[in-house]
């Protein structure tokens, strides 16, 4: 997640029902949603390379998005 930093979004205070509090993934399991943020510098936002850069960022995000889709749909 070095491209996007840390996960953001609302989290539960306690572990979700049915999950052990000592799970190594407990902080991920507490998330109600998974939000990643990519800060876009102004120079890039208004530059000629925006489309190419945005395409690359989406390519990097794609495996995470696929993982979430599989996790939700089974």
PDB file of N, CA and C in Angstrom:
ATOM      1  N   UNK A   1       0.813  -1.198   0.000  1.00  0.00           N
ATOM      2  CA  UNK A   1       0.000   0.000   0.000  1.00  0.00           C
ATOM      3  C   UNK A   1       0.857   1.264   0.000  1.00  0.00           C
ATOM      4  N   UNK A   2       2.116   1.134  -0.362  1.00  0.00           N
ATOM      5  CA  UNK A   2       2.979   2.316  -0.312  1.00  0.00           C
ATOM      6  C   UNK A   2       2.504   3.414  -1.265  1.00  0.00           C
ATOM      7  N   UNK A   3       1.829   3.066  -2.337  1.00  0.00           N
ATOM      8  CA  UNK A   3       1.321   4.071  -3.264  1.00  0.00           C
ATOM      9  C   UNK A   3       0.187   4.866  -2.640  1.00  0.00           C
ATOM     10  N   UNK A   4      -0.618   4.213  -1.813  1.00  0.00           N
ATOM     11  CA  UNK A   4      -1.821   4.831  -1.277  1.00  0.00           C
ATOM     12  C   UNK A   4      -1.749   5.150   0.209  1.00  0.00           C
ATOM     13  N   UNK A   5      -0.707   4.746   0.882  1.00  0.00           N
ATOM     14  CA  UNK A   5      -0.624   5.007   2.313  1.00  0.00           C
ATOM     15  C   UNK A   5      -1.458   4.007   3.092  1.00  0.00           C
ATOM     16  N   UNK A   6      -2.024   4.433   4.176  1.00  0.00           N
ATOM     17  CA  UNK A   6      -2.785   3.515   5.033  1.00  0.00           C
ATOM     18  C   UNK A   6      -4.239   3.454   4.591  1.00  0.00           C
ATOM     19  N   UNK A   7      -4.913   2.398   5.020  1.00  0.00           N
ATOM     20  CA  UNK A   7      -6.350   2.291   4.775  1.00  0.00           C
ATOM     21  C   UNK A   7      -7.071   3.311   5.625  1.00  0.00           C
ATOM     22  N   UNK A   8      -8.099   3.880   5.063  1.00  0.00           N
ATOM     23  CA  UNK A   8      -8.917   4.831   5.792  1.00  0.00           C
ATOM     24  C   UNK A   8     -10.345   4.320   5.835  1.00  0.00           C
ATOM     25  N   UNK A   9     -11.171   4.975   6.593  1.00  0.00           N
ATOM     26  CA  UNK A   9     -12.575   4.608   6.677  1.00  0.00           C
ATOM     27  C   UNK A   9     -12.988   4.289   8.096  1.00  0.00           C
ATOM     28  N   UNK A  10     -14.286   4.186   8.294  1.00  0.00           N
ATOM     29  CA  UNK A  10     -14.845   3.930   9.609  1.00  0.00           C
ATOM     30  C   UNK A  10     -14.507   2.523  10.076  1.00  0.00           C
ATOM     31  N   UNK A  11     -14.198   2.399  11.382  1.00  0.00           N
ATOM     32  CA  UNK A  11     -13.832   1.107  11.954  1.00  0.00           C
ATOM     33  C   UNK A  11     -14.689   0.805  13.172  1.00  0.00           C
ATOM     34  N   UNK A  12     -14.876  -0.472  13.425  1.00  0.00           N
ATOM     35  CA  UNK A  12     -15.525  -0.925  14.643  1.00  0.00           C
ATOM     36  C   UNK A  12     -14.590  -0.713  15.824  1.00  0.00           C
ATOM     37  N   UNK A  13     -15.140  -0.525  16.998  1.00  0.00           N
ATOM     38  CA  UNK A  13     -14.336  -0.388  18.207  1.00  0.00           C
ATOM     39  C   UNK A  13     -13.871  -1.765  18.683  1.00  0.00           C
ATOM     40  N   UNK A  14     -14.778  -2.736  18.588  1.00  0.00           N
ATOM     41  CA  UNK A  14     -14.479  -4.107  19.018  1.00  0.00           C
ATOM     42  C   UNK A  14     -14.396  -5.016  17.800  1.00  0.00           C
ATOM     43  N   UNK A  15     -13.802  -6.179  17.965  1.00  0.00           N
ATOM     44  CA  UNK A  15     -13.764  -7.140  16.852  1.00  0.00           C
ATOM     45  C   UNK A  15     -15.177  -7.529  16.421  1.00  0.00           C
ATOM     46  N   UNK A  16     -15.365  -7.813  15.139  1.00  0.00           N
ATOM     47  CA  UNK A  16     -16.684  -8.248  14.703  1.00  0.00           C
ATOM     48  C   UNK A  16     -17.055  -9.584  15.350  1.00  0.00           C
ATOM     49  N   UNK A  17     -18.330  -9.789  15.533  1.00  0.00           N
ATOM     50  CA  UNK A  17     -18.813 -11.009  16.176  1.00  0.00           C
ATOM     51  C   UNK A  17     -18.327 -12.233  15.395  1.00  0.00           C
ATOM     52  N   UNK A  18     -17.811 -13.206  16.147  1.00  0.00           N
ATOM     53  CA  UNK A  18     -17.353 -14.443  15.538  1.00  0.00           C
ATOM     54  C   UNK A  18     -15.872 -14.471  15.213  1.00  0.00           C
ATOM     55  N   UNK A  19     -15.180 -13.350  15.429  1.00  0.00           N
ATOM     56  CA  UNK A  19     -13.750 -13.294  15.151  1.00  0.00           C
ATOM     57  C   UNK A  19     -12.983 -13.120  16.461  1.00  0.00           C
ATOM     58  N   UNK A  20     -11.895 -13.869  16.641  1.00  0.00           N
ATOM     59  CA  UNK A  20     -11.132 -13.740  17.885  1.00  0.00           C
ATOM     60  C   UNK A  20     -10.402 -12.401  17.959  1.00  0.00           C
ATOM     61  N   UNK A  21     -10.379 -11.822  19.141  1.00  0.00           N
ATOM     62  CA  UNK A  21      -9.728 -10.521  19.335  1.00  0.00           C
ATOM     63  C   UNK A  21      -8.227 -10.580  19.098  1.00  0.00           C
ATOM     64  N   UNK A  22      -7.638 -11.769  19.194  1.00  0.00           N
ATOM     65  CA  UNK A  22      -6.194 -11.884  19.019  1.00  0.00           C
ATOM     66  C   UNK A  22      -5.800 -12.283  17.595  1.00  0.00           C
ATOM     67  N   UNK A  23      -6.729 -12.205  16.661  1.00  0.00           N
ATOM     68  CA  UNK A  23      -6.413 -12.514  15.266  1.00  0.00           C
ATOM     69  C   UNK A  23      -5.340 -11.551  14.765  1.00  0.00           C
ATOM     70  N   UNK A  24      -4.363 -12.038  13.996  1.00  0.00           N
ATOM     71  CA  UNK A  24      -3.348 -11.137  13.452  1.00  0.00           C
ATOM     72  C   UNK A  24      -3.934 -10.133  12.443  1.00  0.00           C
ATOM     73  N   UNK A  25      -5.166 -10.379  12.015  1.00  0.00           N
ATOM     74  CA  UNK A  25      -5.810  -9.501  11.029  1.00  0.00           C
ATOM     75  C   UNK A  25      -6.923  -8.667  11.639  1.00  0.00           C
ATOM     76  N   UNK A  26      -6.952  -8.580  12.960  1.00  0.00           N
ATOM     77  CA  UNK A  26      -8.080  -7.956  13.630  1.00  0.00           C
ATOM     78  C   UNK A  26      -8.277  -6.495  13.225  1.00  0.00           C
ATOM     79  N   UNK A  27      -7.217  -5.756  13.010  1.00  0.00           N
ATOM     80  CA  UNK A  27      -7.377  -4.343  12.627  1.00  0.00           C
ATOM     81  C   UNK A  27      -7.997  -4.221  11.236  1.00  0.00           C
ATOM     82  N   UNK A  28      -7.681  -5.138  10.343  1.00  0.00           N
ATOM     83  CA  UNK A  28      -8.319  -5.143   9.018  1.00  0.00           C
ATOM     84  C   UNK A  28      -9.776  -5.563   9.119  1.00  0.00           C
ATOM     85  N   UNK A  29     -10.053  -6.507  10.001  1.00  0.00           N
ATOM     86  CA  UNK A  29     -11.419  -6.997  10.164  1.00  0.00           C
ATOM     87  C   UNK A  29     -12.343  -5.959  10.797  1.00  0.00           C
ATOM     88  N   UNK A  30     -11.788  -5.023  11.536  1.00  0.00           N
ATOM     89  CA  UNK A  30     -12.598  -3.983  12.176  1.00  0.00           C
ATOM     90  C   UNK A  30     -13.102  -2.931  11.187  1.00  0.00           C
ATOM     91  N   UNK A  31     -12.505  -2.854  10.010  1.00  0.00           N
ATOM     92  CA  UNK A  31     -12.928  -1.850   9.025  1.00  0.00           C
ATOM     93  C   UNK A  31     -14.341  -2.123   8.547  1.00  0.00           C
ATOM     94  N   UNK A  32     -15.157  -1.076   8.493  1.00  0.00           N
ATOM     95  CA  UNK A  32     -16.491  -1.181   7.912  1.00  0.00           C
ATOM     96  C   UNK A  32     -16.416  -0.992   6.399  1.00  0.00           C
ATOM     97  N   UNK A  33     -15.401  -0.311   5.951  1.00  0.00           N
ATOM     98  CA  UNK A  33     -15.143  -0.120   4.517  1.00  0.00           C
ATOM     99  C   UNK A  33     -13.642   0.049   4.341  1.00  0.00           C
ATOM    100  N   UNK A  34     -13.193  -0.121   3.131  1.00  0.00           N
ATOM    101  CA  UNK A  34     -11.772   0.001   2.826  1.00  0.00           C
ATOM    102  C   UNK A  34     -11.594   1.141   1.833  1.00  0.00           C
ATOM    103  N   UNK A  35     -10.987   2.205   2.296  1.00  0.00           N
ATOM    104  CA  UNK A  35     -10.794   3.396   1.474  1.00  0.00           C
ATOM    105  C   UNK A  35      -9.301   3.665   1.344  1.00  0.00           C
ATOM    106  N   UNK A  36      -8.867   3.827   0.106  1.00  0.00           N
ATOM    107  CA  UNK A  36      -7.484   4.232  -0.136  1.00  0.00           C
ATOM    108  C   UNK A  36      -7.513   5.603  -0.805  1.00  0.00           C
ATOM    109  N   UNK A  37      -6.518   6.412  -0.500  1.00  0.00           N
ATOM    110  CA  UNK A  37      -6.454   7.771  -1.017  1.00  0.00           C
ATOM    111  C   UNK A  37      -5.127   7.958  -1.726  1.00  0.00           C
ATOM    112  N   UNK A  38      -5.185   8.586  -2.868  1.00  0.00           N
ATOM    113  CA  UNK A  38      -3.964   8.892  -3.606  1.00  0.00           C
ATOM    114  C   UNK A  38      -3.874  10.404  -3.771  1.00  0.00           C
ATOM    115  N   UNK A  39      -2.917  11.024  -3.092  1.00  0.00           N
ATOM    116  CA  UNK A  39      -2.780  12.480  -3.228  1.00  0.00           C
ATOM    117  C   UNK A  39      -2.198  12.835  -4.598  1.00  0.00           C
ATOM    118  N   UNK A  40      -2.903  13.645  -5.329  1.00  0.00           N
ATOM    119  CA  UNK A  40      -2.476  14.027  -6.674  1.00  0.00           C
ATOM    120  C   UNK A  40      -1.947  15.459  -6.647  1.00  0.00           C
ATOM    121  N   UNK A  41      -0.658  15.625  -6.927  1.00  0.00           N
ATOM    122  CA  UNK A  41      -0.086  16.980  -6.927  1.00  0.00           C
ATOM    123  C   UNK A  41      -0.758  17.866  -7.990  1.00  0.00           C
ATOM    124  N   UNK A  42      -0.917  19.144  -7.692  1.00  0.00           N
ATOM    125  CA  UNK A  42      -1.550  20.075  -8.630  1.00  0.00           C
ATOM    126  C   UNK A  42      -0.871  20.069  -9.987  1.00  0.00           C
ATOM    127  N   UNK A  43       0.456  20.014  -9.990  1.00  0.00           N
ATOM    128  CA  UNK A  43       1.189  20.049 -11.257  1.00  0.00           C
ATOM    129  C   UNK A  43       0.804  18.869 -12.140  1.00  0.00           C
ATOM    130  N   UNK A  44       0.564  17.734 -11.532  1.00  0.00           N
ATOM    131  CA  UNK A  44       0.175  16.559 -12.296  1.00  0.00           C
ATOM    132  C   UNK A  44      -1.297  16.629 -12.695  1.00  0.00           C
ATOM    133  N   UNK A  45      -2.120  17.168 -11.819  1.00  0.00           N
ATOM    134  CA  UNK A  45      -3.555  17.253 -12.089  1.00  0.00           C
ATOM    135  C   UNK A  45      -3.859  18.112 -13.313  1.00  0.00           C
ATOM    136  N   UNK A  46      -3.032  19.092 -13.552  1.00  0.00           N
ATOM    137  CA  UNK A  46      -3.265  19.993 -14.672  1.00  0.00           C
ATOM    138  C   UNK A  46      -2.248  19.805 -15.793  1.00  0.00           C
ATOM    139  N   UNK A  47      -1.471  18.723 -15.718  1.00  0.00           N
ATOM    140  CA  UNK A  47      -0.437  18.485 -16.718  1.00  0.00           C
ATOM    141  C   UNK A  47      -0.894  17.549 -17.820  1.00  0.00           C
ATOM    142  N   UNK A  48      -0.040  17.426 -18.823  1.00  0.00           N
ATOM    143  CA  UNK A  48      -0.340  16.599 -19.989  1.00  0.00           C
ATOM    144  C   UNK A  48      -0.306  15.107 -19.663  1.00  0.00           C
ATOM    145  N   UNK A  49       0.382  14.700 -18.604  1.00  0.00           N
ATOM    146  CA  UNK A  49       0.526  13.288 -18.290  1.00  0.00           C
ATOM    147  C   UNK A  49      -0.528  12.725 -17.355  1.00  0.00           C
ATOM    148  N   UNK A  50      -1.618  13.475 -17.128  1.00  0.00           N
ATOM    149  CA  UNK A  50      -2.630  13.041 -16.168  1.00  0.00           C
ATOM    150  C   UNK A  50      -3.249  11.693 -16.542  1.00  0.00           C
ATOM    151  N   UNK A  51      -3.652  11.523 -17.771  1.00  0.00           N
ATOM    152  CA  UNK A  51      -4.313  10.277 -18.174  1.00  0.00           C
ATOM    153  C   UNK A  51      -3.387   9.080 -18.001  1.00  0.00           C
ATOM    154  N   UNK A  52      -2.149   9.220 -18.436  1.00  0.00           N
ATOM    155  CA  UNK A  52      -1.183   8.128 -18.300  1.00  0.00           C
ATOM    156  C   UNK A  52      -0.929   7.812 -16.826  1.00  0.00           C
ATOM    157  N   UNK A  53      -0.774   8.824 -16.016  1.00  0.00           N
ATOM    158  CA  UNK A  53      -0.515   8.617 -14.591  1.00  0.00           C
ATOM    159  C   UNK A  53      -1.728   7.972 -13.899  1.00  0.00           C
ATOM    160  N   UNK A  54      -2.910   8.448 -14.217  1.00  0.00           N
ATOM    161  CA  UNK A  54      -4.125   7.887 -13.628  1.00  0.00           C
ATOM    162  C   UNK A  54      -4.291   6.426 -14.025  1.00  0.00           C
ATOM    163  N   UNK A  55      -3.989   6.103 -15.249  1.00  0.00           N
ATOM    164  CA  UNK A  55      -4.047   4.716 -15.715  1.00  0.00           C
ATOM    165  C   UNK A  55      -3.101   3.842 -14.918  1.00  0.00           C
ATOM    166  N   UNK A  56      -1.915   4.319 -14.641  1.00  0.00           N
ATOM    167  CA  UNK A  56      -0.935   3.559 -13.865  1.00  0.00           C
ATOM    168  C   UNK A  56      -1.391   3.368 -12.420  1.00  0.00           C
ATOM    169  N   UNK A  57      -1.939   4.394 -11.820  1.00  0.00           N
ATOM    170  CA  UNK A  57      -2.431   4.286 -10.446  1.00  0.00           C
ATOM    171  C   UNK A  57      -3.568   3.261 -10.381  1.00  0.00           C
ATOM    172  N   UNK A  58      -4.460   3.280 -11.342  1.00  0.00           N
ATOM    173  CA  UNK A  58      -5.556   2.298 -11.384  1.00  0.00           C
ATOM    174  C   UNK A  58      -5.017   0.885 -11.588  1.00  0.00           C
ATOM    175  N   UNK A  59      -3.976   0.732 -12.394  1.00  0.00           N
ATOM    176  CA  UNK A  59      -3.357  -0.575 -12.600  1.00  0.00           C
ATOM    177  C   UNK A  59      -2.793  -1.106 -11.283  1.00  0.00           C
ATOM    178  N   UNK A  60      -2.175  -0.231 -10.498  1.00  0.00           N
ATOM    179  CA  UNK A  60      -1.617  -0.626  -9.201  1.00  0.00           C
ATOM    180  C   UNK A  60      -2.743  -1.002  -8.225  1.00  0.00           C
ATOM    181  N   UNK A  61      -3.850  -0.303  -8.286  1.00  0.00           N
ATOM    182  CA  UNK A  61      -4.975  -0.552  -7.390  1.00  0.00           C
ATOM    183  C   UNK A  61      -5.770  -1.807  -7.757  1.00  0.00           C
ATOM    184  N   UNK A  62      -5.696  -2.245  -8.995  1.00  0.00           N
ATOM    185  CA  UNK A  62      -6.510  -3.349  -9.486  1.00  0.00           C
ATOM    186  C   UNK A  62      -6.413  -4.632  -8.652  1.00  0.00           C
ATOM    187  N   UNK A  63      -5.241  -5.123  -8.258  1.00  0.00           N
ATOM    188  CA  UNK A  63      -5.207  -6.351  -7.446  1.00  0.00           C
ATOM    189  C   UNK A  63      -5.951  -6.200  -6.111  1.00  0.00           C
ATOM    190  N   UNK A  64      -5.857  -5.052  -5.493  1.00  0.00           N
ATOM    191  CA  UNK A  64      -6.578  -4.809  -4.235  1.00  0.00           C
ATOM    192  C   UNK A  64      -8.084  -4.840  -4.478  1.00  0.00           C
ATOM    193  N   UNK A  65      -8.508  -4.210  -5.546  1.00  0.00           N
ATOM    194  CA  UNK A  65      -9.923  -4.190  -5.901  1.00  0.00           C
ATOM    195  C   UNK A  65     -10.434  -5.603  -6.212  1.00  0.00           C
ATOM    196  N   UNK A  66      -9.659  -6.382  -6.940  1.00  0.00           N
ATOM    197  CA  UNK A  66     -10.039  -7.776  -7.237  1.00  0.00           C
ATOM    198  C   UNK A  66     -10.152  -8.592  -5.953  1.00  0.00           C
ATOM    199  N   UNK A  67      -9.185  -8.417  -5.029  1.00  0.00           N
ATOM    200  CA  UNK A  67      -9.222  -9.114  -3.748  1.00  0.00           C
ATOM    201  C   UNK A  67     -10.504  -8.800  -2.996  1.00  0.00           C
ATOM    202  N   UNK A  68     -10.874  -7.524  -2.923  1.00  0.00           N
ATOM    203  CA  UNK A  68     -12.088  -7.133  -2.208  1.00  0.00           C
ATOM    204  C   UNK A  68     -13.330  -7.727  -2.876  1.00  0.00           C
ATOM    205  N   UNK A  69     -13.369  -7.739  -4.191  1.00  0.00           N
ATOM    206  CA  UNK A  69     -14.507  -8.318  -4.895  1.00  0.00           C
ATOM    207  C   UNK A  69     -14.651  -9.807  -4.610  1.00  0.00           C
ATOM    208  N   UNK A  70     -13.548 -10.529  -4.595  1.00  0.00           N
ATOM    209  CA  UNK A  70     -13.590 -11.969  -4.281  1.00  0.00           C
ATOM    210  C   UNK A  70     -14.019 -12.174  -2.835  1.00  0.00           C
ATOM    211  N   UNK A  71     -13.512 -11.353  -1.943  1.00  0.00           N
ATOM    212  CA  UNK A  71     -13.865 -11.486  -0.531  1.00  0.00           C
ATOM    213  C   UNK A  71     -15.357 -11.265  -0.300  1.00  0.00           C
ATOM    214  N   UNK A  72     -15.960 -10.386  -1.054  1.00  0.00           N
ATOM    215  CA  UNK A  72     -17.382 -10.076  -0.887  1.00  0.00           C
ATOM    216  C   UNK A  72     -18.266 -11.107  -1.595  1.00  0.00           C
ATOM    217  N   UNK A  73     -17.872 -11.490  -2.796  1.00  0.00           N
ATOM    218  CA  UNK A  73     -18.728 -12.375  -3.594  1.00  0.00           C
ATOM    219  C   UNK A  73     -18.443 -13.851  -3.376  1.00  0.00           C
ATOM    220  N   UNK A  74     -17.272 -14.155  -2.800  1.00  0.00           N
ATOM    221  CA  UNK A  74     -16.931 -15.559  -2.540  1.00  0.00           C
ATOM    222  C   UNK A  74     -16.266 -16.150  -3.667  1.00  0.00           C
TER     223      UNK A  74
END
